[in-house]
Protein backbone atom coordinates (compact mmCIF):
# COMPACT_ATOMS: atom_id res chain seq x y z
CA MET A 1 60.43 49.88 95.26
CA ARG A 2 61.46 52.00 92.38
CA GLN A 3 59.75 55.18 93.21
CA GLY A 4 60.54 58.21 91.07
CA LEU A 5 61.30 56.27 87.88
CA ARG A 6 59.56 57.66 84.85
CA ARG A 7 58.66 56.06 81.58
CA VAL A 8 61.14 56.99 78.88
CA GLU A 9 59.65 58.28 75.62
CA PRO A 10 61.45 58.53 72.27
CA ILE A 11 62.84 62.00 71.56
CA GLY A 12 60.90 62.16 68.28
CA LYS A 13 57.60 61.86 70.10
CA ILE A 14 58.63 64.45 72.66
CA LEU A 15 59.65 66.91 69.93
CA ALA A 16 56.44 66.29 67.99
CA ASP A 17 54.43 67.02 71.14
CA VAL A 18 56.39 70.23 71.81
CA VAL A 19 55.94 71.43 68.21
CA ARG A 20 52.20 70.71 68.37
CA ASN A 21 51.79 72.33 71.80
CA LEU A 22 53.62 75.48 70.68
CA GLY A 23 51.51 75.70 67.52
CA LEU A 24 54.51 75.40 65.22
CA SER A 25 53.29 72.57 62.99
CA ARG A 26 52.04 74.88 60.23
CA LYS A 27 55.22 76.97 60.24
CA LEU A 28 57.36 73.84 59.96
CA SER A 29 55.25 72.59 57.05
CA GLU A 30 55.61 75.95 55.33
CA GLN A 31 59.37 75.92 55.79
CA ARG A 32 59.56 72.37 54.49
CA ALA A 33 57.84 73.50 51.27
CA VAL A 34 60.60 76.09 50.77
CA VAL A 35 63.54 73.88 51.74
CA ASP A 36 62.35 70.80 49.85
CA TRP A 37 61.43 72.69 46.64
CA PRO A 38 64.21 71.04 44.53
CA GLN A 39 63.13 67.55 45.59
CA ILE A 40 59.45 68.36 45.05
CA VAL A 41 59.78 69.68 41.50
CA GLY A 42 62.89 67.87 40.32
CA ARG A 43 66.26 69.00 39.01
CA ARG A 44 65.14 70.52 35.70
CA ILE A 45 62.55 72.86 37.23
CA ALA A 46 64.74 73.62 40.26
CA GLU A 47 67.48 74.87 37.91
CA HIS A 48 65.12 77.69 36.87
CA SER A 49 63.15 78.31 40.06
CA ARG A 50 63.58 78.73 43.78
CA ALA A 51 60.96 78.78 46.53
CA THR A 52 61.66 81.81 48.69
CA ARG A 53 58.95 82.10 51.35
CA VAL A 54 55.40 81.33 52.43
CA ASP A 55 52.98 84.05 53.43
CA SER A 56 49.36 83.35 54.46
CA GLY A 57 49.31 79.99 52.70
CA ARG A 58 50.92 81.34 49.51
CA LEU A 59 54.23 79.88 48.37
CA PHE A 60 56.37 82.43 46.52
CA VAL A 61 58.66 80.98 43.88
CA GLU A 62 61.28 82.99 42.07
CA VAL A 63 61.83 82.03 38.43
CA ASP A 64 64.52 83.11 36.01
CA SER A 65 62.30 84.09 33.08
CA SER A 66 58.76 84.83 32.00
CA VAL A 67 58.81 81.62 29.95
CA TRP A 68 59.40 79.58 33.10
CA ALA A 69 56.78 81.58 34.98
CA GLN A 70 54.24 80.72 32.29
CA GLU A 71 55.27 77.06 32.15
CA LEU A 72 55.05 76.65 35.93
CA THR A 73 51.74 78.51 36.06
CA LEU A 74 50.34 75.88 33.69
CA MET A 75 51.66 73.19 36.06
CA LYS A 76 50.52 75.00 39.24
CA MET A 77 47.83 72.56 40.38
CA THR A 78 50.13 69.55 39.95
CA ILE A 79 52.96 71.31 41.79
CA LEU A 80 50.59 72.43 44.54
CA ARG A 81 49.47 68.84 45.06
CA GLN A 82 53.10 67.66 45.16
CA VAL A 83 54.04 70.35 47.69
CA ASN A 84 51.19 69.43 50.01
CA ASP A 85 51.91 65.72 49.63
CA ARG A 86 55.53 66.41 50.63
CA THR A 87 54.63 68.54 53.65
CA GLY A 88 51.95 66.12 54.79
CA SER A 89 49.24 68.75 55.02
CA ALA A 90 47.29 71.27 52.97
CA THR A 91 49.49 74.08 54.26
CA ILE A 92 50.04 75.69 50.87
CA GLU A 93 46.88 77.06 49.23
CA ASN A 94 48.39 78.87 46.26
CA ILE A 95 51.69 79.43 44.46
CA HIS A 96 52.87 82.79 43.11
CA PHE A 97 55.64 82.80 40.52
CA VAL A 98 57.86 85.88 40.66
CA ILE A 99 60.38 86.74 37.97
CA GLY A 100 63.57 87.46 39.81
CA GLY A 101 66.57 85.65 38.39
CA ALA A 102 66.55 82.33 40.21
CA SER A 103 69.70 80.50 39.26
CA ARG A 104 71.07 77.00 39.41
CA HIS A 105 73.11 77.91 42.45
CA GLY A 106 70.27 79.50 44.37
CA ALA A 107 71.60 83.05 43.98
CA SER A 108 68.94 85.58 43.18
CA ARG A 109 68.46 89.16 42.14
CA ASN A 110 65.73 91.40 43.50
CA SER A 111 62.25 90.38 42.41
CA SER A 112 60.99 92.47 39.54
CA ARG A 113 57.38 91.38 39.15
CA GLU A 114 54.82 88.90 40.36
CA ASP A 115 52.67 86.69 38.12
């Protein structure tokens, strides 16, 4: 007679249920796109760019020059696919490259313009 005993569930499942029930799945995917930017695009691109935020499905990426903004704009669809593959959903609908002095060490100056 083991009344009162409950089935134990893995913490990962419990957390996933809480995130889903609170409607936080999209926000977590958006944040993952920002945090995982260097792994998504690789070292060379990450040295010249930095994802800063997501707003209404748009990922904003700061770049250190207009040359990099142009180069990444040409690669936008490939990068967009890689971002959504990494986050596991189609959370990101567009990417905006902003010239703002992204550096290797993640320090940035104020954004000066948006492409």
